[in-house]
Amino acid sequence: SQLQLTAIKDFATSFPDLSAEIADLEDICRGKSWTTGDPLGIGGLLSDASKMVQLMIKGAAGQTELLVAVLDAALLGLEAVSQKIFSGLPADFRLAFRELGLSIGLRAVERLQPLLEESPGVFDREGLQGKVEALLQYMPLAEVIETFWVDSKNREAGSWLEHRDINMVMLATSLAPEGFVTI
């Protein structure tokens, strides 16, 4: 859907019709469970939900059922990992890129409430607003994750250095998420 909208915007006179591909992917996704206990996966769900909302505002076909399923799965995952992920483990026993993926997703959630308020006619605000409010309760996790990995002492750990390239990209994205979470 994002590619289709971009093509329409950038190639106003002629653009490829991706409706068959979009329908195929919708069929593949229908009825799936998206629940995961992986922080990176949860962050991906949250980032995707944010992009789905933006696409719907821009006129993409409504994916409300999928959006609700993704938000519900993210909430279940957050409930499961929010306590154990930050149990005081030292950096050597943590994977920064996975945690930072969650932080990026949470940063995307911050943008959902203003989007919903700006486009009241696009969504069932009651149900969606409640889910967004529940997700916003987890926002302090983003700060905890970022604070931990911004600390240069934690970036000396083997777990950071082994994945330094992706860790640096993920940390930068978490600290300045606009380019990634905005379509």
C-alpha atoms as a PDB file:
ATOM      1  CA  SER A   1       0.000   0.000   0.000  1.00  0.00           C
ATOM      2  CA  GLN A   2       2.860   2.353   0.795  1.00  0.00           C
ATOM      3  CA  LEU A   3       4.491   1.628  -2.565  1.00  0.00           C
ATOM      4  CA  GLN A   4       1.170   2.166  -4.344  1.00  0.00           C
ATOM      5  CA  LEU A   5       0.546   5.519  -2.685  1.00  0.00           C
ATOM      6  CA  THR A   6       4.118   6.621  -3.353  1.00  0.00           C
ATOM      7  CA  ALA A   7       3.805   5.636  -7.008  1.00  0.00           C
ATOM      8  CA  ILE A   8       0.573   7.592  -7.369  1.00  0.00           C
ATOM      9  CA  LYS A   9       2.142  10.642  -5.740  1.00  0.00           C
ATOM     10  CA  ASP A  10       5.446  10.504  -7.623  1.00  0.00           C
ATOM     11  CA  PHE A  11       4.194   9.295 -11.003  1.00  0.00           C
ATOM     12  CA  ALA A  12       0.878  11.088 -11.260  1.00  0.00           C
ATOM     13  CA  THR A  13       0.290  10.245 -14.918  1.00  0.00           C
ATOM     14  CA  SER A  14       1.363   6.611 -15.088  1.00  0.00           C
ATOM     15  CA  PHE A  15       2.114   4.258 -12.254  1.00  0.00           C
ATOM     16  CA  PRO A  16       2.001   0.529 -11.705  1.00  0.00           C
ATOM     17  CA  ASP A  17      -1.195  -0.911 -10.283  1.00  0.00           C
ATOM     18  CA  LEU A  18      -0.235  -3.020  -7.285  1.00  0.00           C
ATOM     19  CA  SER A  19      -3.790  -3.876  -6.233  1.00  0.00           C
ATOM     20  CA  ALA A  20      -3.375  -7.588  -7.096  1.00  0.00           C
ATOM     21  CA  GLU A  21      -0.201  -7.799  -5.015  1.00  0.00           C
ATOM     22  CA  ILE A  22      -1.835  -5.921  -2.153  1.00  0.00           C
ATOM     23  CA  ALA A  23      -4.806  -8.316  -2.260  1.00  0.00           C
ATOM     24  CA  ASP A  24      -2.446 -11.324  -2.233  1.00  0.00           C
ATOM     25  CA  LEU A  25      -0.653 -10.013   0.841  1.00  0.00           C
ATOM     26  CA  GLU A  26      -3.966  -9.222   2.539  1.00  0.00           C
ATOM     27  CA  ASP A  27      -5.017 -12.850   1.976  1.00  0.00           C
ATOM     28  CA  ILE A  28      -1.738 -14.117   3.421  1.00  0.00           C
ATOM     29  CA  CYS A  29      -2.102 -11.896   6.515  1.00  0.00           C
ATOM     30  CA  ARG A  30      -5.794 -12.523   7.187  1.00  0.00           C
ATOM     31  CA  GLY A  31      -6.448 -14.419  10.394  1.00  0.00           C
ATOM     32  CA  LYS A  32      -2.817 -14.697  11.461  1.00  0.00           C
ATOM     33  CA  SER A  33      -1.634 -14.255  15.016  1.00  0.00           C
ATOM     34  CA  TRP A  34       1.034 -11.583  15.278  1.00  0.00           C
ATOM     35  CA  THR A  35       1.739 -12.030  18.982  1.00  0.00           C
ATOM     36  CA  THR A  36       5.416 -12.296  19.882  1.00  0.00           C
ATOM     37  CA  GLY A  37       7.543 -12.038  22.974  1.00  0.00           C
ATOM     38  CA  ASP A  38      10.513 -10.714  21.004  1.00  0.00           C
ATOM     39  CA  PRO A  39      11.202  -7.006  21.677  1.00  0.00           C
ATOM     40  CA  LEU A  40      12.328  -6.466  18.075  1.00  0.00           C
ATOM     41  CA  GLY A  41       9.165  -8.117  16.791  1.00  0.00           C
ATOM     42  CA  ILE A  42       6.967  -6.049  19.095  1.00  0.00           C
ATOM     43  CA  GLY A  43       8.726  -2.889  17.918  1.00  0.00           C
ATOM     44  CA  GLY A  44       8.110  -3.949  14.326  1.00  0.00           C
ATOM     45  CA  LEU A  45       4.407  -4.398  15.049  1.00  0.00           C
ATOM     46  CA  LEU A  46       4.229  -0.936  16.590  1.00  0.00           C
ATOM     47  CA  SER A  47       6.107   0.681  13.694  1.00  0.00           C
ATOM     48  CA  ASP A  48       3.885  -1.127  11.206  1.00  0.00           C
ATOM     49  CA  ALA A  49       0.737  -0.025  13.052  1.00  0.00           C
ATOM     50  CA  SER A  50       1.902   3.567  12.870  1.00  0.00           C
ATOM     51  CA  LYS A  51       2.516   3.251   9.143  1.00  0.00           C
ATOM     52  CA  MET A  52      -0.876   1.595   8.647  1.00  0.00           C
ATOM     53  CA  VAL A  53      -2.578   4.540  10.347  1.00  0.00           C
ATOM     54  CA  GLN A  54      -0.648   7.005   8.173  1.00  0.00           C
ATOM     55  CA  LEU A  55      -1.547   5.066   5.023  1.00  0.00           C
ATOM     56  CA  MET A  56      -5.219   4.978   5.938  1.00  0.00           C
ATOM     57  CA  ILE A  57      -5.181   8.734   6.540  1.00  0.00           C
ATOM     58  CA  LYS A  58      -3.598   9.209   3.105  1.00  0.00           C
ATOM     59  CA  GLY A  59      -6.348   7.203   1.456  1.00  0.00           C
ATOM     60  CA  ALA A  60      -5.128   3.620   1.370  1.00  0.00           C
ATOM     61  CA  ALA A  61      -7.896   1.055   1.633  1.00  0.00           C
ATOM     62  CA  GLY A  62      -8.999   0.552   5.219  1.00  0.00           C
ATOM     63  CA  GLN A  63      -7.124  -2.169   7.037  1.00  0.00           C
ATOM     64  CA  THR A  64      -8.880  -1.635  10.347  1.00  0.00           C
ATOM     65  CA  GLU A  65      -9.176  -5.332  11.165  1.00  0.00           C
ATOM     66  CA  LEU A  66      -5.459  -5.899  10.582  1.00  0.00           C
ATOM     67  CA  LEU A  67      -4.567  -2.710  12.465  1.00  0.00           C
ATOM     68  CA  VAL A  68      -6.556  -3.853  15.512  1.00  0.00           C
ATOM     69  CA  ALA A  69      -4.954  -7.320  15.359  1.00  0.00           C
ATOM     70  CA  VAL A  70      -1.459  -5.796  15.176  1.00  0.00           C
ATOM     71  CA  LEU A  71      -2.124  -3.424  18.081  1.00  0.00           C
ATOM     72  CA  ASP A  72      -3.613  -6.228  20.188  1.00  0.00           C
ATOM     73  CA  ALA A  73      -0.601  -8.444  19.476  1.00  0.00           C
ATOM     74  CA  ALA A  74       1.797  -5.636  20.386  1.00  0.00           C
ATOM     75  CA  LEU A  75      -0.042  -5.041  23.666  1.00  0.00           C
ATOM     76  CA  LEU A  76       0.118  -8.736  24.563  1.00  0.00           C
ATOM     77  CA  GLY A  77       3.820  -8.822  23.759  1.00  0.00           C
ATOM     78  CA  LEU A  78       4.516  -5.681  25.779  1.00  0.00           C
ATOM     79  CA  GLU A  79       2.681  -7.096  28.777  1.00  0.00           C
ATOM     80  CA  ALA A  80       4.814 -10.221  28.568  1.00  0.00           C
ATOM     81  CA  VAL A  81       8.240  -8.617  28.131  1.00  0.00           C
ATOM     82  CA  SER A  82       7.983  -5.258  29.873  1.00  0.00           C
ATOM     83  CA  GLN A  83       9.069  -6.590  33.248  1.00  0.00           C
ATOM     84  CA  LYS A  84      11.565  -9.278  32.337  1.00  0.00           C
ATOM     85  CA  ILE A  85      13.446  -7.452  29.587  1.00  0.00           C
ATOM     86  CA  PHE A  86      14.789  -4.861  31.993  1.00  0.00           C
ATOM     87  CA  SER A  87      15.555  -7.077  34.941  1.00  0.00           C
ATOM     88  CA  GLY A  88      18.952  -5.489  35.553  1.00  0.00           C
ATOM     89  CA  LEU A  89      20.929  -7.720  33.229  1.00  0.00           C
ATOM     90  CA  PRO A  90      24.317  -6.287  32.270  1.00  0.00           C
ATOM     91  CA  ALA A  91      24.973  -5.266  28.681  1.00  0.00           C
ATOM     92  CA  ASP A  92      26.842  -8.500  27.905  1.00  0.00           C
ATOM     93  CA  PHE A  93      23.587 -10.416  28.346  1.00  0.00           C
ATOM     94  CA  ARG A  94      21.412  -8.080  26.266  1.00  0.00           C
ATOM     95  CA  LEU A  95      21.025  -7.505  22.534  1.00  0.00           C
ATOM     96  CA  ALA A  96      20.848  -3.796  21.857  1.00  0.00           C
ATOM     97  CA  PHE A  97      19.340  -3.982  18.369  1.00  0.00           C
ATOM     98  CA  ARG A  98      16.415  -6.072  19.657  1.00  0.00           C
ATOM     99  CA  GLU A  99      15.705  -3.716  22.543  1.00  0.00           C
ATOM    100  CA  LEU A 100      16.181  -0.643  20.363  1.00  0.00           C
ATOM    101  CA  GLY A 101      13.696  -2.098  17.879  1.00  0.00           C
ATOM    102  CA  LEU A 102      11.132  -1.995  20.669  1.00  0.00           C
ATOM    103  CA  SER A 103      12.151   1.557  21.519  1.00  0.00           C
ATOM    104  CA  ILE A 104      11.699   2.614  17.876  1.00  0.00           C
ATOM    105  CA  GLY A 105       8.250   1.050  17.833  1.00  0.00           C
ATOM    106  CA  LEU A 106       7.317   2.883  21.009  1.00  0.00           C
ATOM    107  CA  ARG A 107       8.499   6.142  19.441  1.00  0.00           C
ATOM    108  CA  ALA A 108       6.152   5.402  16.533  1.00  0.00           C
ATOM    109  CA  VAL A 109       3.272   4.972  19.002  1.00  0.00           C
ATOM    110  CA  GLU A 110       3.904   8.494  20.310  1.00  0.00           C
ATOM    111  CA  ARG A 111       2.786   9.761  16.905  1.00  0.00           C
ATOM    112  CA  LEU A 112      -0.445   7.754  16.798  1.00  0.00           C
ATOM    113  CA  GLN A 113      -2.532   9.884  19.138  1.00  0.00           C
ATOM    114  CA  PRO A 114      -2.011  13.156  17.211  1.00  0.00           C
ATOM    115  CA  LEU A 115      -2.720  11.311  13.948  1.00  0.00           C
ATOM    116  CA  LEU A 116      -5.997   9.964  15.309  1.00  0.00           C
ATOM    117  CA  GLU A 117      -6.985  13.412  16.556  1.00  0.00           C
ATOM    118  CA  GLU A 118      -6.180  15.013  13.184  1.00  0.00           C
ATOM    119  CA  SER A 119      -8.327  12.490  11.281  1.00  0.00           C
ATOM    120  CA  PRO A 120     -11.396  11.746  13.389  1.00  0.00           C
ATOM    121  CA  GLY A 121     -13.498  10.455  10.485  1.00  0.00           C
ATOM    122  CA  VAL A 122     -11.045   7.789   9.339  1.00  0.00           C
ATOM    123  CA  PHE A 123     -11.110   5.509  12.389  1.00  0.00           C
ATOM    124  CA  ASP A 124     -13.343   4.128  15.083  1.00  0.00           C
ATOM    125  CA  ARG A 125     -11.761   6.463  17.607  1.00  0.00           C
ATOM    126  CA  GLU A 126     -13.277   4.812  20.664  1.00  0.00           C
ATOM    127  CA  GLY A 127     -11.672   1.387  20.214  1.00  0.00           C
ATOM    128  CA  LEU A 128      -8.457   2.616  18.666  1.00  0.00           C
ATOM    129  CA  GLN A 129      -8.021   5.408  21.188  1.00  0.00           C
ATOM    130  CA  GLY A 130      -8.205   2.911  24.057  1.00  0.00           C
ATOM    131  CA  LYS A 131      -5.514   0.726  22.477  1.00  0.00           C
ATOM    132  CA  VAL A 132      -3.245   3.720  21.866  1.00  0.00           C
ATOM    133  CA  GLU A 133      -3.706   4.885  25.453  1.00  0.00           C
ATOM    134  CA  ALA A 134      -2.818   1.394  26.708  1.00  0.00           C
ATOM    135  CA  LEU A 135       0.311   1.416  24.522  1.00  0.00           C
ATOM    136  CA  LEU A 136       1.318   4.883  25.714  1.00  0.00           C
ATOM    137  CA  GLN A 137       1.615   3.507  29.248  1.00  0.00           C
ATOM    138  CA  TYR A 138       4.714   1.631  28.031  1.00  0.00           C
ATOM    139  CA  MET A 139       6.468   4.786  26.746  1.00  0.00           C
ATOM    140  CA  PRO A 140       8.887   4.933  29.715  1.00  0.00           C
ATOM    141  CA  LEU A 141      10.466   1.727  28.341  1.00  0.00           C
ATOM    142  CA  ALA A 142      11.785   3.660  25.337  1.00  0.00           C
ATOM    143  CA  GLU A 143      13.599   6.069  27.633  1.00  0.00           C
ATOM    144  CA  VAL A 144      14.984   3.212  29.754  1.00  0.00           C
ATOM    145  CA  ILE A 145      16.303   1.403  26.668  1.00  0.00           C
ATOM    146  CA  GLU A 146      17.830   4.512  25.117  1.00  0.00           C
ATOM    147  CA  THR A 147      19.420   5.652  28.372  1.00  0.00           C
ATOM    148  CA  PHE A 148      21.005   2.250  28.870  1.00  0.00           C
ATOM    149  CA  TRP A 149      22.520   2.052  25.373  1.00  0.00           C
ATOM    150  CA  VAL A 150      23.560   5.706  25.159  1.00  0.00           C
ATOM    151  CA  ASP A 151      25.835   5.020  28.133  1.00  0.00           C
ATOM    152  CA  SER A 152      29.277   4.481  26.573  1.00  0.00           C
ATOM    153  CA  LYS A 153      30.155   1.924  29.263  1.00  0.00           C
ATOM    154  CA  ASN A 154      27.363  -0.359  27.992  1.00  0.00           C
ATOM    155  CA  ARG A 155      28.555   0.079  24.410  1.00  0.00           C
ATOM    156  CA  GLU A 156      31.894  -1.501  25.376  1.00  0.00           C
ATOM    157  CA  ALA A 157      30.192  -4.865  25.993  1.00  0.00           C
ATOM    158  CA  GLY A 158      30.877  -7.723  23.618  1.00  0.00           C
ATOM    159  CA  SER A 159      27.174  -7.969  22.795  1.00  0.00           C
ATOM    160  CA  TRP A 160      27.278  -4.364  21.533  1.00  0.00           C
ATOM    161  CA  LEU A 161      30.580  -4.692  19.680  1.00  0.00           C
ATOM    162  CA  GLU A 162      29.587  -7.954  17.922  1.00  0.00           C
ATOM    163  CA  HIS A 163      26.636  -6.170  16.332  1.00  0.00           C
ATOM    164  CA  ARG A 164      28.030  -2.658  16.369  1.00  0.00           C
ATOM    165  CA  ASP A 165      26.853  -1.606  12.894  1.00  0.00           C
ATOM    166  CA  ILE A 166      23.184  -2.516  13.373  1.00  0.00           C
ATOM    167  CA  ASN A 167      23.258  -1.363  16.998  1.00  0.00           C
ATOM    168  CA  MET A 168      24.462   2.104  15.963  1.00  0.00           C
ATOM    169  CA  VAL A 169      21.770   2.359  13.272  1.00  0.00           C
ATOM    170  CA  MET A 170      19.068   1.235  15.688  1.00  0.00           C
ATOM    171  CA  LEU A 171      20.228   3.621  18.426  1.00  0.00           C
ATOM    172  CA  ALA A 172      20.310   6.552  16.014  1.00  0.00           C
ATOM    173  CA  THR A 173      16.852   5.622  14.698  1.00  0.00           C
ATOM    174  CA  SER A 174      15.443   5.389  18.208  1.00  0.00           C
ATOM    175  CA  LEU A 175      16.855   8.789  19.161  1.00  0.00           C
ATOM    176  CA  ALA A 176      15.677  10.459  15.916  1.00  0.00           C
ATOM    177  CA  PRO A 177      12.832   8.240  14.599  1.00  0.00           C
ATOM    178  CA  GLU A 178      11.025  10.679  12.317  1.00  0.00           C
ATOM    179  CA  GLY A 179      12.643   9.534   9.065  1.00  0.00           C
ATOM    180  CA  PHE A 180      11.780   5.903   9.758  1.00  0.00           C
ATOM    181  CA  VAL A 181       8.315   6.138  11.292  1.00  0.00           C
ATOM    182  CA  THR A 182       6.898   8.852   9.041  1.00  0.00           C
ATOM    183  CA  ILE A 183       5.744   8.025   5.548  1.00  0.00           C
END
